[in-house]
């Protein structure tokens, strides 16, 4: 990968981080294949089916056992849509 592409993918991950509803931490992830194709993306947040309530997001004891890292969400998204990583 070239430095130019690395910067592009990092900029995209930074943009995707803004999709997180976590008021204290926003992290984005871009999974890229060997031919520079984007395989999956993710951001830190609750898994599907868990409501993103303000009360849950602002209470660490409620948030941390449930919240997923951006990388976890990218892997789960790829698996859900049948993309091999």
Protein backbone atom coordinates (compact mmCIF):
# COMPACT_ATOMS: atom_id res chain seq x y z
CA UNK A 1 0.00 0.00 0.00
CA UNK A 2 1.25 3.48 -0.70
CA UNK A 3 1.36 6.31 1.80
CA UNK A 4 -1.26 8.15 -0.28
CA UNK A 5 -3.74 5.28 0.11
CA UNK A 6 -2.91 4.86 3.80
CA UNK A 7 -3.81 8.51 4.36
CA UNK A 8 -7.07 8.11 2.43
CA UNK A 9 -8.15 5.08 4.44
CA UNK A 10 -7.18 6.77 7.72
CA UNK A 11 -9.22 9.83 6.73
CA UNK A 12 -12.18 7.56 5.96
CA UNK A 13 -11.81 5.82 9.35
CA UNK A 14 -11.78 9.23 11.02
CA UNK A 15 -14.98 10.17 9.19
CA UNK A 16 -16.65 6.87 10.13
CA UNK A 17 -15.68 7.46 13.78
CA UNK A 18 -18.15 10.35 13.74
CA UNK A 19 -20.98 7.85 13.31
CA UNK A 20 -20.42 6.56 16.86
CA UNK A 21 -23.01 7.74 19.38
CA UNK A 22 -20.58 7.31 22.29
CA UNK A 23 -20.22 10.79 23.81
CA UNK A 24 -16.72 10.13 25.18
CA UNK A 25 -14.95 8.12 22.47
CA UNK A 26 -15.41 7.86 18.71
CA UNK A 27 -13.36 5.28 16.79
CA UNK A 28 -13.70 4.23 13.16
CA UNK A 29 -12.30 1.24 11.30
CA UNK A 30 -11.76 0.45 7.62
CA UNK A 31 -10.81 -3.10 6.63
CA UNK A 32 -8.94 -3.03 3.33
CA UNK A 33 -8.08 -5.93 1.03
CA UNK A 34 -4.79 -6.47 -0.80
CA UNK A 35 -6.06 -4.69 -3.93
CA UNK A 36 -7.05 -1.58 -1.94
CA UNK A 37 -10.70 -2.57 -1.93
CA UNK A 38 -12.69 -1.70 1.16
CA UNK A 39 -13.97 -4.96 2.63
CA UNK A 40 -15.79 -3.59 5.66
CA UNK A 41 -16.15 -0.62 7.97
CA UNK A 42 -17.14 -0.21 11.58
CA UNK A 43 -17.33 2.19 14.49
CA UNK A 44 -17.50 1.73 18.24
CA UNK A 45 -21.01 1.24 19.53
CA UNK A 46 -23.54 -1.22 20.79
CA UNK A 47 -24.25 -4.33 18.75
CA UNK A 48 -27.43 -4.64 16.74
CA UNK A 49 -30.48 -4.98 18.93
CA UNK A 50 -29.09 -2.91 21.82
CA UNK A 51 -30.72 0.51 22.08
CA UNK A 52 -28.35 3.51 21.94
CA UNK A 53 -30.02 5.29 24.85
CA UNK A 54 -28.35 8.36 26.34
CA UNK A 55 -28.64 6.84 29.83
CA UNK A 56 -26.80 3.71 28.72
CA UNK A 57 -24.13 5.64 26.80
CA UNK A 58 -23.37 8.00 29.69
CA UNK A 59 -23.18 5.31 32.39
CA UNK A 60 -19.85 3.44 32.18
CA UNK A 61 -21.13 0.49 34.23
CA UNK A 62 -23.91 -0.04 31.70
CA UNK A 63 -21.90 0.90 28.60
CA UNK A 64 -18.62 -1.00 28.85
CA UNK A 65 -19.98 -4.56 29.19
CA UNK A 66 -22.02 -4.06 26.00
CA UNK A 67 -20.12 -1.70 23.68
CA UNK A 68 -18.11 -3.16 20.80
CA UNK A 69 -14.86 -1.84 19.39
CA UNK A 70 -14.90 -0.47 15.85
CA UNK A 71 -12.82 -3.44 14.67
CA UNK A 72 -15.27 -5.93 16.19
CA UNK A 73 -18.17 -4.21 14.48
CA UNK A 74 -16.33 -4.23 11.14
CA UNK A 75 -15.69 -7.98 11.45
CA UNK A 76 -19.30 -8.70 12.46
CA UNK A 77 -20.56 -6.56 9.57
CA UNK A 78 -18.38 -8.45 7.08
CA UNK A 79 -19.62 -11.80 8.43
CA UNK A 80 -23.24 -10.64 8.25
CA UNK A 81 -22.95 -9.74 4.56
CA UNK A 82 -20.74 -12.70 3.60
CA UNK A 83 -17.46 -10.87 3.00
CA UNK A 84 -14.30 -12.86 3.65
CA UNK A 85 -11.59 -11.06 5.57
